[in-house]
N, C-alpha and C. Protein backbone atom coordinates (compact mmCIF):
# COMPACT_ATOMS: atom_id res chain seq x y z
N PRO A 1 138.20 134.13 117.42
CA PRO A 1 138.73 134.87 118.57
C PRO A 1 137.66 135.62 119.36
N GLY A 2 136.56 135.94 118.69
CA GLY A 2 135.53 136.70 119.40
C GLY A 2 134.44 135.85 120.00
N SER A 3 134.58 134.54 119.94
CA SER A 3 133.50 133.67 120.38
C SER A 3 133.36 133.62 121.90
N GLY A 4 134.44 133.81 122.62
CA GLY A 4 134.39 133.67 124.08
C GLY A 4 134.24 132.23 124.52
N SER A 5 134.37 131.29 123.59
CA SER A 5 134.21 129.87 123.91
C SER A 5 135.55 129.25 124.26
N PRO A 6 135.55 128.00 124.77
CA PRO A 6 136.82 127.31 125.06
C PRO A 6 137.67 127.09 123.82
N PHE A 7 137.10 127.29 122.63
CA PHE A 7 137.85 127.05 121.39
C PHE A 7 138.53 128.31 120.86
N SER A 8 138.37 129.42 121.55
CA SER A 8 139.02 130.65 121.11
C SER A 8 140.53 130.51 121.21
N TRP A 9 141.24 130.98 120.17
CA TRP A 9 142.71 130.90 120.20
C TRP A 9 143.30 131.84 121.24
N LYS A 10 142.47 132.72 121.82
CA LYS A 10 142.98 133.60 122.87
C LYS A 10 143.48 132.80 124.07
N HIS A 11 142.88 131.64 124.31
CA HIS A 11 143.32 130.80 125.42
C HIS A 11 144.74 130.27 125.17
N ALA A 12 145.02 129.92 123.91
CA ALA A 12 146.37 129.44 123.57
C ALA A 12 147.38 130.56 123.75
N VAL A 13 147.02 131.77 123.33
CA VAL A 13 147.91 132.92 123.47
C VAL A 13 148.21 133.19 124.94
N GLU A 14 147.16 133.15 125.77
CA GLU A 14 147.34 133.40 127.20
C GLU A 14 148.20 132.31 127.84
N SER A 15 147.99 131.06 127.43
CA SER A 15 148.81 129.96 127.95
C SER A 15 150.28 130.16 127.62
N CYS A 16 150.55 130.59 126.39
CA CYS A 16 151.94 130.83 125.99
C CYS A 16 152.56 131.98 126.78
N LYS A 17 151.77 133.00 127.09
CA LYS A 17 152.28 134.12 127.88
C LYS A 17 152.72 133.65 129.27
N ARG A 18 151.98 132.71 129.84
CA ARG A 18 152.23 132.26 131.21
C ARG A 18 153.25 131.13 131.28
N ALA A 19 153.50 130.45 130.17
CA ALA A 19 154.35 129.26 130.18
C ALA A 19 155.80 129.58 130.52
N THR A 20 156.46 128.65 131.20
CA THR A 20 157.88 128.80 131.49
C THR A 20 158.71 128.51 130.25
N LEU A 21 158.18 127.69 129.33
CA LEU A 21 158.89 127.38 128.10
C LEU A 21 157.88 127.08 127.00
N VAL A 22 158.05 127.72 125.85
CA VAL A 22 157.17 127.50 124.69
C VAL A 22 158.00 126.86 123.58
N THR A 23 157.58 125.69 123.11
CA THR A 23 158.27 125.04 121.99
C THR A 23 157.42 125.17 120.73
N THR A 24 158.08 125.49 119.63
CA THR A 24 157.42 125.57 118.33
C THR A 24 158.30 124.89 117.29
N SER A 25 157.73 124.67 116.12
CA SER A 25 158.48 123.97 115.06
C SER A 25 159.22 124.93 114.13
N THR A 26 158.97 126.25 114.26
CA THR A 26 159.66 127.22 113.40
C THR A 26 160.00 128.48 114.17
N ARG A 27 160.95 129.23 113.63
CA ARG A 27 161.33 130.51 114.25
C ARG A 27 160.20 131.52 114.13
N ALA A 28 159.47 131.47 113.02
CA ALA A 28 158.36 132.40 112.83
C ALA A 28 157.33 132.25 113.94
N LEU A 29 157.04 131.02 114.34
CA LEU A 29 156.09 130.79 115.43
C LEU A 29 156.65 131.23 116.77
N GLN A 30 157.97 131.11 116.93
CA GLN A 30 158.58 131.61 118.16
C GLN A 30 158.34 133.11 118.33
N ARG A 31 158.46 133.84 117.23
CA ARG A 31 158.27 135.29 117.30
C ARG A 31 156.86 135.65 117.73
N ILE A 32 155.89 134.78 117.44
CA ILE A 32 154.50 135.06 117.78
C ILE A 32 154.17 134.56 119.19
N TYR A 33 154.55 133.32 119.50
CA TYR A 33 154.10 132.69 120.73
C TYR A 33 155.11 132.72 121.87
N ALA A 34 156.34 133.09 121.58
CA ALA A 34 157.35 133.16 122.64
C ALA A 34 158.07 134.50 122.58
N ALA A 35 157.29 135.55 122.40
CA ALA A 35 157.88 136.88 122.31
C ALA A 35 158.57 137.28 123.62
N HIS A 36 158.20 136.61 124.71
CA HIS A 36 158.83 136.89 126.01
C HIS A 36 160.23 136.31 126.11
N GLY A 37 160.64 135.50 125.13
CA GLY A 37 162.00 134.97 125.13
C GLY A 37 162.16 133.61 125.78
N ARG A 38 161.09 133.06 126.36
CA ARG A 38 161.18 131.76 127.02
C ARG A 38 160.70 130.66 126.06
N GLY A 39 161.48 130.44 125.01
CA GLY A 39 161.07 129.44 124.04
C GLY A 39 162.24 128.86 123.27
N VAL A 40 162.00 127.72 122.65
CA VAL A 40 163.00 127.08 121.78
C VAL A 40 162.30 126.48 120.57
N VAL A 41 163.04 126.39 119.48
CA VAL A 41 162.54 125.74 118.27
C VAL A 41 162.95 124.28 118.28
N LEU A 42 161.99 123.39 118.12
CA LEU A 42 162.27 121.97 117.95
C LEU A 42 161.89 121.61 116.52
N ASP A 43 162.88 121.46 115.66
CA ASP A 43 162.61 121.18 114.24
C ASP A 43 161.86 119.87 114.08
N ASN A 44 160.95 119.84 113.12
CA ASN A 44 160.27 118.60 112.77
C ASN A 44 161.22 117.67 112.03
N TYR A 45 161.11 116.40 112.31
CA TYR A 45 161.86 115.37 111.58
C TYR A 45 160.95 114.17 111.37
N VAL A 46 161.46 113.13 110.74
CA VAL A 46 160.67 111.93 110.49
C VAL A 46 161.44 110.72 111.03
N PRO A 47 160.76 109.59 111.23
CA PRO A 47 161.44 108.39 111.73
C PRO A 47 162.53 107.91 110.78
N GLU A 48 163.63 107.43 111.33
CA GLU A 48 164.74 106.94 110.52
C GLU A 48 164.30 105.78 109.62
N ALA A 49 163.25 105.07 110.01
CA ALA A 49 162.75 103.94 109.23
C ALA A 49 162.33 104.37 107.82
N PHE A 50 161.97 105.64 107.63
CA PHE A 50 161.58 106.12 106.30
C PHE A 50 162.70 105.90 105.29
N LEU A 51 163.94 105.95 105.75
CA LEU A 51 165.09 105.82 104.85
C LEU A 51 165.20 104.43 104.25
N GLN A 52 164.51 103.45 104.84
CA GLN A 52 164.62 102.07 104.38
C GLN A 52 163.51 101.66 103.42
N PHE A 53 162.55 102.56 103.16
CA PHE A 53 161.45 102.20 102.27
C PHE A 53 161.98 102.00 100.85
N PRO A 54 161.53 100.95 100.15
CA PRO A 54 161.93 100.77 98.75
C PRO A 54 161.38 101.90 97.90
N LYS A 55 162.14 102.29 96.88
CA LYS A 55 161.71 103.40 96.01
C LYS A 55 161.68 102.94 94.56
N PRO A 56 160.52 102.45 94.10
CA PRO A 56 160.42 102.08 92.68
C PRO A 56 160.38 103.32 91.80
N GLU A 57 160.89 103.21 90.58
CA GLU A 57 160.80 104.32 89.64
C GLU A 57 159.41 104.32 89.00
N THR A 58 158.77 105.47 88.98
CA THR A 58 157.42 105.57 88.45
C THR A 58 157.32 106.49 87.24
N GLY A 59 158.27 107.42 87.09
CA GLY A 59 158.20 108.41 86.03
C GLY A 59 157.18 109.51 86.32
N GLN A 60 156.58 109.48 87.50
CA GLN A 60 155.50 110.39 87.83
C GLN A 60 155.96 111.56 88.69
N PHE A 61 155.35 112.72 88.46
CA PHE A 61 155.53 113.86 89.35
C PHE A 61 154.19 114.14 90.01
N GLY A 62 154.21 114.87 91.13
CA GLY A 62 152.93 115.17 91.73
C GLY A 62 153.01 115.78 93.11
N TRP A 63 151.89 115.76 93.77
CA TRP A 63 151.69 116.44 95.05
C TRP A 63 151.04 115.49 96.03
N ALA A 64 151.41 115.61 97.29
CA ALA A 64 150.80 114.82 98.36
C ALA A 64 150.13 115.77 99.34
N GLY A 65 148.81 115.68 99.45
CA GLY A 65 148.13 116.57 100.38
C GLY A 65 146.66 116.72 100.07
N THR A 66 146.04 117.72 100.71
CA THR A 66 144.63 118.02 100.52
C THR A 66 144.44 119.53 100.51
N THR A 67 143.52 120.00 99.69
CA THR A 67 143.25 121.43 99.64
C THR A 67 142.53 121.92 100.89
N LYS A 68 142.07 121.00 101.73
CA LYS A 68 141.43 121.42 102.99
C LYS A 68 142.43 122.17 103.87
N SER A 69 143.66 121.72 103.87
CA SER A 69 144.69 122.41 104.65
C SER A 69 145.60 123.28 103.78
N HIS A 70 145.43 123.17 102.45
CA HIS A 70 146.22 123.98 101.50
C HIS A 70 145.29 124.60 100.46
N PRO A 71 144.35 125.46 100.89
CA PRO A 71 143.32 125.94 99.95
C PRO A 71 143.84 126.85 98.84
N ASN A 72 144.96 127.54 99.06
CA ASN A 72 145.43 128.51 98.07
C ASN A 72 146.83 128.22 97.55
N ASP A 73 147.33 127.02 97.80
CA ASP A 73 148.74 126.76 97.52
C ASP A 73 149.01 126.23 96.12
N LEU A 74 148.24 125.26 95.66
CA LEU A 74 148.49 124.69 94.34
C LEU A 74 148.39 125.74 93.24
N GLN A 75 147.61 126.77 93.48
CA GLN A 75 147.38 127.79 92.47
C GLN A 75 148.65 128.55 92.09
N VAL A 76 149.65 128.58 92.97
CA VAL A 76 150.87 129.35 92.66
C VAL A 76 151.64 128.73 91.50
N THR A 77 151.35 127.48 91.14
CA THR A 77 152.06 126.82 90.04
C THR A 77 151.45 127.15 88.68
N GLY A 78 150.31 127.86 88.66
CA GLY A 78 149.69 128.23 87.40
C GLY A 78 149.26 127.01 86.59
N HIS A 79 149.58 127.00 85.30
CA HIS A 79 149.21 125.91 84.40
C HIS A 79 150.35 124.89 84.24
N THR A 80 151.30 124.92 85.15
CA THR A 80 152.48 124.06 85.03
C THR A 80 152.12 122.59 84.90
N ALA A 81 151.26 122.08 85.78
CA ALA A 81 150.95 120.65 85.78
C ALA A 81 150.34 120.22 84.45
N GLN A 82 149.38 120.99 83.93
CA GLN A 82 148.76 120.64 82.65
C GLN A 82 149.78 120.67 81.52
N ARG A 83 150.65 121.64 81.56
CA ARG A 83 151.68 121.75 80.51
C ARG A 83 152.58 120.52 80.52
N LEU A 84 152.98 120.07 81.69
CA LEU A 84 153.84 118.89 81.80
C LEU A 84 153.10 117.63 81.39
N VAL A 85 151.83 117.53 81.77
CA VAL A 85 151.02 116.38 81.36
C VAL A 85 150.91 116.34 79.84
N ASP A 86 150.70 117.50 79.23
CA ASP A 86 150.61 117.57 77.76
C ASP A 86 151.90 117.12 77.09
N GLU A 87 153.01 117.28 77.80
CA GLU A 87 154.32 116.88 77.25
C GLU A 87 154.66 115.43 77.57
N GLY A 88 153.70 114.71 78.18
CA GLY A 88 153.89 113.28 78.39
C GLY A 88 154.37 112.87 79.76
N HIS A 89 154.38 113.79 80.72
CA HIS A 89 154.81 113.45 82.08
C HIS A 89 153.59 113.15 82.93
N PRO A 90 153.45 111.90 83.42
CA PRO A 90 152.25 111.55 84.19
C PRO A 90 152.21 112.24 85.56
N LEU A 91 151.02 112.73 85.89
CA LEU A 91 150.79 113.41 87.16
C LEU A 91 150.08 112.47 88.12
N GLN A 92 150.53 112.46 89.37
CA GLN A 92 149.92 111.61 90.39
C GLN A 92 149.68 112.43 91.65
N ILE A 93 148.51 112.28 92.24
CA ILE A 93 148.20 112.93 93.51
C ILE A 93 148.12 111.87 94.60
N VAL A 94 148.89 112.06 95.67
CA VAL A 94 148.80 111.16 96.82
C VAL A 94 147.72 111.75 97.73
N GLY A 95 146.55 111.18 97.66
CA GLY A 95 145.37 111.68 98.35
C GLY A 95 144.17 111.46 97.46
N GLY A 96 143.02 112.02 97.87
CA GLY A 96 141.80 111.80 97.10
C GLY A 96 140.92 113.02 97.01
N ASP A 97 141.52 114.20 96.96
CA ASP A 97 140.78 115.45 97.00
C ASP A 97 140.33 115.87 95.59
N PRO A 98 139.03 115.90 95.32
CA PRO A 98 138.56 116.27 93.97
C PRO A 98 138.82 117.73 93.62
N ASN A 99 139.08 118.57 94.62
CA ASN A 99 139.33 119.99 94.35
C ASN A 99 140.71 120.26 93.76
N VAL A 100 141.57 119.24 93.74
CA VAL A 100 142.91 119.41 93.18
C VAL A 100 142.84 119.77 91.70
N ARG A 101 141.90 119.20 90.99
CA ARG A 101 141.77 119.47 89.55
C ARG A 101 141.63 120.96 89.28
N GLY A 102 140.73 121.62 89.97
CA GLY A 102 140.53 123.05 89.77
C GLY A 102 141.70 123.88 90.23
N ALA A 103 142.29 123.49 91.37
CA ALA A 103 143.41 124.26 91.92
C ALA A 103 144.62 124.22 91.00
N LEU A 104 144.83 123.08 90.32
CA LEU A 104 145.95 122.95 89.39
C LEU A 104 145.57 123.34 87.95
N ARG A 105 144.31 123.73 87.74
CA ARG A 105 143.83 124.16 86.43
C ARG A 105 144.00 123.06 85.39
N LEU A 106 143.59 121.85 85.77
CA LEU A 106 143.71 120.70 84.88
C LEU A 106 142.42 120.51 84.07
N ARG A 107 142.56 120.02 82.86
CA ARG A 107 141.38 119.73 82.03
C ARG A 107 140.62 118.52 82.56
N ASP A 108 141.36 117.52 83.04
CA ASP A 108 140.75 116.28 83.50
C ASP A 108 141.13 116.01 84.96
N THR A 109 140.35 115.18 85.60
CA THR A 109 140.66 114.78 86.97
C THR A 109 141.96 113.97 86.97
N PRO A 110 142.93 114.33 87.80
CA PRO A 110 144.21 113.61 87.79
C PRO A 110 144.09 112.25 88.47
N GLN A 111 145.06 111.42 88.20
CA GLN A 111 145.13 110.12 88.87
C GLN A 111 145.42 110.34 90.34
N MET A 112 144.67 109.65 91.21
CA MET A 112 144.83 109.81 92.66
C MET A 112 144.91 108.45 93.34
N THR A 113 145.59 108.45 94.47
CA THR A 113 145.68 107.20 95.24
C THR A 113 144.41 106.95 96.05
N GLY A 114 143.64 108.01 96.31
CA GLY A 114 142.57 107.93 97.29
C GLY A 114 143.13 108.27 98.66
N SER A 115 142.27 108.36 99.63
CA SER A 115 142.68 108.74 100.98
C SER A 115 143.74 107.78 101.52
N VAL A 116 144.77 108.34 102.13
CA VAL A 116 145.89 107.54 102.66
C VAL A 116 146.04 107.81 104.15
N GLY A 117 146.15 106.75 104.94
CA GLY A 117 146.30 106.90 106.39
C GLY A 117 147.71 107.34 106.76
N ILE A 118 147.85 107.81 108.00
CA ILE A 118 149.16 108.30 108.48
C ILE A 118 150.23 107.21 108.40
N ALA A 119 149.88 105.98 108.74
CA ALA A 119 150.86 104.89 108.78
C ALA A 119 151.41 104.58 107.39
N GLU A 120 150.59 104.82 106.35
CA GLU A 120 151.01 104.48 104.98
C GLU A 120 151.46 105.71 104.19
N TRP A 121 151.43 106.88 104.82
CA TRP A 121 151.65 108.14 104.10
C TRP A 121 153.00 108.18 103.36
N ALA A 122 154.08 108.01 104.11
CA ALA A 122 155.41 108.12 103.49
C ALA A 122 155.65 107.02 102.46
N MET A 123 155.19 105.81 102.74
CA MET A 123 155.35 104.72 101.78
C MET A 123 154.58 105.00 100.50
N SER A 124 153.41 105.62 100.62
CA SER A 124 152.62 105.96 99.44
C SER A 124 153.33 107.00 98.59
N ILE A 125 154.00 107.94 99.22
CA ILE A 125 154.78 108.93 98.47
C ILE A 125 155.89 108.23 97.69
N ALA A 126 156.60 107.32 98.36
CA ALA A 126 157.69 106.59 97.71
C ALA A 126 157.17 105.74 96.54
N ASP A 127 156.01 105.14 96.71
CA ASP A 127 155.45 104.25 95.69
C ASP A 127 154.91 104.99 94.48
N ASN A 128 154.59 106.27 94.62
CA ASN A 128 153.85 106.96 93.56
C ASN A 128 154.56 108.14 92.90
N LEU A 129 155.60 108.68 93.53
CA LEU A 129 156.22 109.88 92.98
C LEU A 129 157.71 109.70 92.73
N ASP A 130 158.19 110.27 91.64
CA ASP A 130 159.62 110.39 91.40
C ASP A 130 160.08 111.83 91.62
N VAL A 131 159.16 112.77 91.46
CA VAL A 131 159.43 114.19 91.69
C VAL A 131 158.24 114.78 92.44
N GLY A 132 158.53 115.48 93.53
CA GLY A 132 157.46 116.03 94.35
C GLY A 132 157.32 117.54 94.20
N MET A 133 156.12 118.03 94.48
CA MET A 133 155.81 119.47 94.46
C MET A 133 155.43 119.91 95.87
N VAL A 134 155.98 121.05 96.30
CA VAL A 134 155.61 121.62 97.60
C VAL A 134 155.27 123.11 97.40
N PRO A 135 154.15 123.39 96.73
CA PRO A 135 153.78 124.79 96.51
C PRO A 135 153.16 125.39 97.77
N LEU A 136 153.60 126.58 98.14
CA LEU A 136 153.07 127.28 99.31
C LEU A 136 152.89 128.75 98.96
N ALA A 137 151.67 129.23 99.06
CA ALA A 137 151.39 130.64 98.78
C ALA A 137 152.09 131.52 99.81
N PRO A 138 152.41 132.77 99.45
CA PRO A 138 153.13 133.66 100.38
C PRO A 138 152.19 134.26 101.43
N THR A 139 151.72 133.41 102.35
CA THR A 139 150.83 133.85 103.42
C THR A 139 151.54 133.77 104.76
N ALA A 140 150.98 134.46 105.76
CA ALA A 140 151.56 134.40 107.10
C ALA A 140 151.54 132.97 107.63
N PHE A 141 150.47 132.23 107.32
CA PHE A 141 150.35 130.85 107.77
C PHE A 141 151.50 130.01 107.21
N ASN A 142 151.73 130.12 105.90
CA ASN A 142 152.78 129.32 105.26
C ASN A 142 154.18 129.76 105.67
N THR A 143 154.35 131.04 105.96
CA THR A 143 155.65 131.52 106.44
C THR A 143 156.00 130.86 107.77
N SER A 144 154.97 130.48 108.52
CA SER A 144 155.18 129.87 109.84
C SER A 144 155.28 128.35 109.78
N LYS A 145 155.02 127.76 108.61
CA LYS A 145 155.02 126.30 108.50
C LYS A 145 156.44 125.74 108.52
N SER A 146 156.57 124.52 109.04
CA SER A 146 157.87 123.84 109.02
C SER A 146 158.11 123.23 107.65
N ARG A 147 159.30 122.67 107.48
CA ARG A 147 159.67 122.06 106.19
C ARG A 147 159.41 120.55 106.19
N LEU A 148 158.40 120.12 106.92
CA LEU A 148 158.15 118.69 107.11
C LEU A 148 157.88 117.96 105.80
N LYS A 149 157.08 118.55 104.90
CA LYS A 149 156.77 117.87 103.63
C LYS A 149 158.06 117.63 102.84
N GLY A 150 158.95 118.60 102.82
CA GLY A 150 160.21 118.42 102.12
C GLY A 150 161.06 117.32 102.73
N ILE A 151 161.05 117.22 104.05
CA ILE A 151 161.82 116.18 104.73
C ILE A 151 161.21 114.80 104.45
N GLU A 152 159.89 114.71 104.43
CA GLU A 152 159.24 113.45 104.10
C GLU A 152 159.65 112.99 102.70
N LEU A 153 159.60 113.90 101.75
CA LEU A 153 159.97 113.56 100.38
C LEU A 153 161.43 113.14 100.28
N PHE A 154 162.30 113.94 100.89
CA PHE A 154 163.73 113.60 100.90
C PHE A 154 163.97 112.21 101.48
N ALA A 155 163.31 111.92 102.61
CA ALA A 155 163.57 110.68 103.35
C ALA A 155 163.24 109.43 102.54
N VAL A 156 162.25 109.54 101.64
CA VAL A 156 161.89 108.37 100.84
C VAL A 156 162.47 108.44 99.43
N GLY A 157 163.43 109.36 99.22
CA GLY A 157 164.14 109.39 97.95
C GLY A 157 163.42 110.10 96.83
N VAL A 158 162.59 111.10 97.16
CA VAL A 158 161.86 111.85 96.14
C VAL A 158 162.36 113.30 96.12
N PRO A 159 163.10 113.71 95.09
CA PRO A 159 163.53 115.11 94.99
C PRO A 159 162.32 116.01 94.76
N TRP A 160 162.44 117.28 95.12
CA TRP A 160 161.27 118.15 95.08
C TRP A 160 161.60 119.55 94.58
N VAL A 161 160.51 120.24 94.21
CA VAL A 161 160.53 121.67 93.94
C VAL A 161 159.57 122.30 94.93
N ALA A 162 159.99 123.38 95.59
CA ALA A 162 159.15 124.01 96.61
C ALA A 162 159.13 125.52 96.43
N SER A 163 158.10 126.13 96.98
CA SER A 163 158.05 127.60 97.04
C SER A 163 159.11 128.08 98.01
N PRO A 164 159.68 129.27 97.78
CA PRO A 164 160.81 129.73 98.59
C PRO A 164 160.39 130.36 99.92
N ARG A 165 159.55 129.66 100.67
CA ARG A 165 159.24 130.13 102.01
C ARG A 165 160.46 129.92 102.90
N GLU A 166 160.50 130.59 104.04
CA GLU A 166 161.69 130.63 104.89
C GLU A 166 162.26 129.26 105.21
N GLU A 167 161.40 128.33 105.63
CA GLU A 167 161.88 127.02 106.05
C GLU A 167 162.40 126.19 104.88
N TYR A 168 161.87 126.42 103.68
CA TYR A 168 162.34 125.66 102.52
C TYR A 168 163.64 126.23 101.97
N ARG A 169 163.82 127.53 102.09
CA ARG A 169 165.13 128.09 101.75
C ARG A 169 166.20 127.52 102.68
N LYS A 170 165.84 127.41 103.95
CA LYS A 170 166.76 126.85 104.95
C LYS A 170 167.07 125.39 104.66
N LEU A 171 166.04 124.61 104.34
CA LEU A 171 166.24 123.18 104.07
C LEU A 171 167.10 122.97 102.83
N ALA A 172 166.82 123.72 101.77
CA ALA A 172 167.62 123.58 100.54
C ALA A 172 169.07 123.96 100.80
N ARG A 173 169.28 124.98 101.61
CA ARG A 173 170.64 125.42 101.94
C ARG A 173 171.37 124.36 102.77
N GLU A 174 170.70 123.83 103.78
CA GLU A 174 171.33 122.85 104.66
C GLU A 174 171.58 121.51 103.96
N ALA A 175 170.62 121.10 103.12
CA ALA A 175 170.73 119.79 102.47
C ALA A 175 171.60 119.83 101.22
N GLY A 176 171.74 121.02 100.64
CA GLY A 176 172.50 121.11 99.40
C GLY A 176 171.73 120.58 98.20
N CYS A 177 170.43 120.34 98.37
CA CYS A 177 169.58 119.93 97.25
C CYS A 177 168.14 120.33 97.54
N GLY A 178 167.28 120.07 96.55
CA GLY A 178 165.94 120.64 96.60
C GLY A 178 165.96 121.91 95.77
N LEU A 179 164.97 122.09 94.89
CA LEU A 179 164.91 123.25 94.00
C LEU A 179 163.76 124.17 94.43
N LEU A 180 163.94 125.47 94.24
CA LEU A 180 162.93 126.45 94.63
C LEU A 180 162.34 127.13 93.40
N ALA A 181 161.05 127.47 93.49
CA ALA A 181 160.35 128.12 92.38
C ALA A 181 159.34 129.11 92.94
N ASP A 182 159.32 130.32 92.37
CA ASP A 182 158.45 131.37 92.91
C ASP A 182 157.40 131.85 91.91
N THR A 183 157.50 131.44 90.65
CA THR A 183 156.55 131.84 89.61
C THR A 183 156.17 130.60 88.80
N PRO A 184 155.03 130.64 88.10
CA PRO A 184 154.67 129.50 87.25
C PRO A 184 155.78 129.14 86.25
N LYS A 185 156.45 130.14 85.70
CA LYS A 185 157.55 129.87 84.77
C LYS A 185 158.66 129.09 85.45
N GLN A 186 159.00 129.48 86.69
CA GLN A 186 160.04 128.77 87.43
C GLN A 186 159.58 127.37 87.82
N TRP A 187 158.30 127.25 88.18
CA TRP A 187 157.77 125.92 88.52
C TRP A 187 157.92 124.97 87.34
N TYR A 188 157.58 125.46 86.16
CA TYR A 188 157.69 124.61 84.98
C TYR A 188 159.14 124.22 84.72
N SER A 189 160.04 125.19 84.73
CA SER A 189 161.43 124.90 84.37
C SER A 189 162.10 123.99 85.39
N GLN A 190 161.81 124.17 86.66
CA GLN A 190 162.46 123.35 87.70
C GLN A 190 161.91 121.92 87.70
N LEU A 191 160.59 121.78 87.57
CA LEU A 191 160.02 120.43 87.50
C LEU A 191 160.47 119.71 86.24
N LYS A 192 160.48 120.43 85.12
CA LYS A 192 160.92 119.84 83.85
C LYS A 192 162.37 119.38 83.96
N LEU A 193 163.20 120.16 84.63
CA LEU A 193 164.60 119.79 84.80
C LEU A 193 164.74 118.48 85.56
N LEU A 194 164.01 118.34 86.67
CA LEU A 194 164.10 117.10 87.45
C LEU A 194 163.51 115.91 86.70
N LEU A 195 162.48 116.15 85.90
CA LEU A 195 161.84 115.05 85.18
C LEU A 195 162.66 114.56 83.99
N THR A 196 163.49 115.43 83.43
CA THR A 196 164.21 115.06 82.20
C THR A 196 165.70 114.82 82.41
N ASP A 197 166.26 115.33 83.49
CA ASP A 197 167.69 115.13 83.76
C ASP A 197 167.83 113.96 84.74
N ASP A 198 168.02 112.76 84.21
CA ASP A 198 168.07 111.56 85.04
C ASP A 198 169.21 111.60 86.05
N VAL A 199 170.35 112.16 85.66
CA VAL A 199 171.49 112.22 86.56
C VAL A 199 171.20 113.14 87.74
N LEU A 200 170.68 114.32 87.44
CA LEU A 200 170.35 115.27 88.51
C LEU A 200 169.31 114.70 89.45
N ARG A 201 168.26 114.10 88.88
CA ARG A 201 167.19 113.54 89.72
C ARG A 201 167.72 112.46 90.66
N LYS A 202 168.58 111.59 90.13
CA LYS A 202 169.13 110.51 90.97
C LYS A 202 170.08 111.04 92.01
N GLU A 203 170.85 112.06 91.65
CA GLU A 203 171.75 112.68 92.63
C GLU A 203 170.95 113.30 93.76
N GLN A 204 169.88 114.00 93.40
CA GLN A 204 169.03 114.63 94.42
C GLN A 204 168.37 113.57 95.30
N ALA A 205 167.91 112.49 94.68
CA ALA A 205 167.26 111.41 95.44
C ALA A 205 168.24 110.80 96.44
N GLU A 206 169.47 110.57 96.02
CA GLU A 206 170.47 110.00 96.93
C GLU A 206 170.76 110.95 98.08
């Protein structure tokens, strides 16, 4: 903000002040960028084609993403992933970020798909995960994020556990499924429930 360069976010703020209409993906962003009242929320969604992707059973749980855009998020799950791996549940990462091991406090490097392009992203989630994780630290940035990751997982038939940020509480309420976890203990119990209760997992996937 203090650079005075064309890349300063002050230019975005000034543009929003002058705009006749400001669109954002969440209500939290509306409060920041459309405080003048000239704005609307356009919820994020995914293409209907995602619903047609085949969903093989893998027995795997995991996360899709990179710590470059989620530097402090995986840590909220504590030692959950290692505990589940020790109990025989295979962990899979959709992506190729080596920093995931440290963020999840794993003894060994987890199995990863490697870097995945946008066109193959949703299909890769369907091919590799039966249960998804959406951990989000309680930061201002995450409070403003949309529920897009949850919708991607839902669309390809992958039930999930997410941190109880505003948009995920809303999605779980509207969809009638999706589990929330706010502590490592809750992360373990909710993921374990989806991994071991075949009926619940299939109901959530449907």
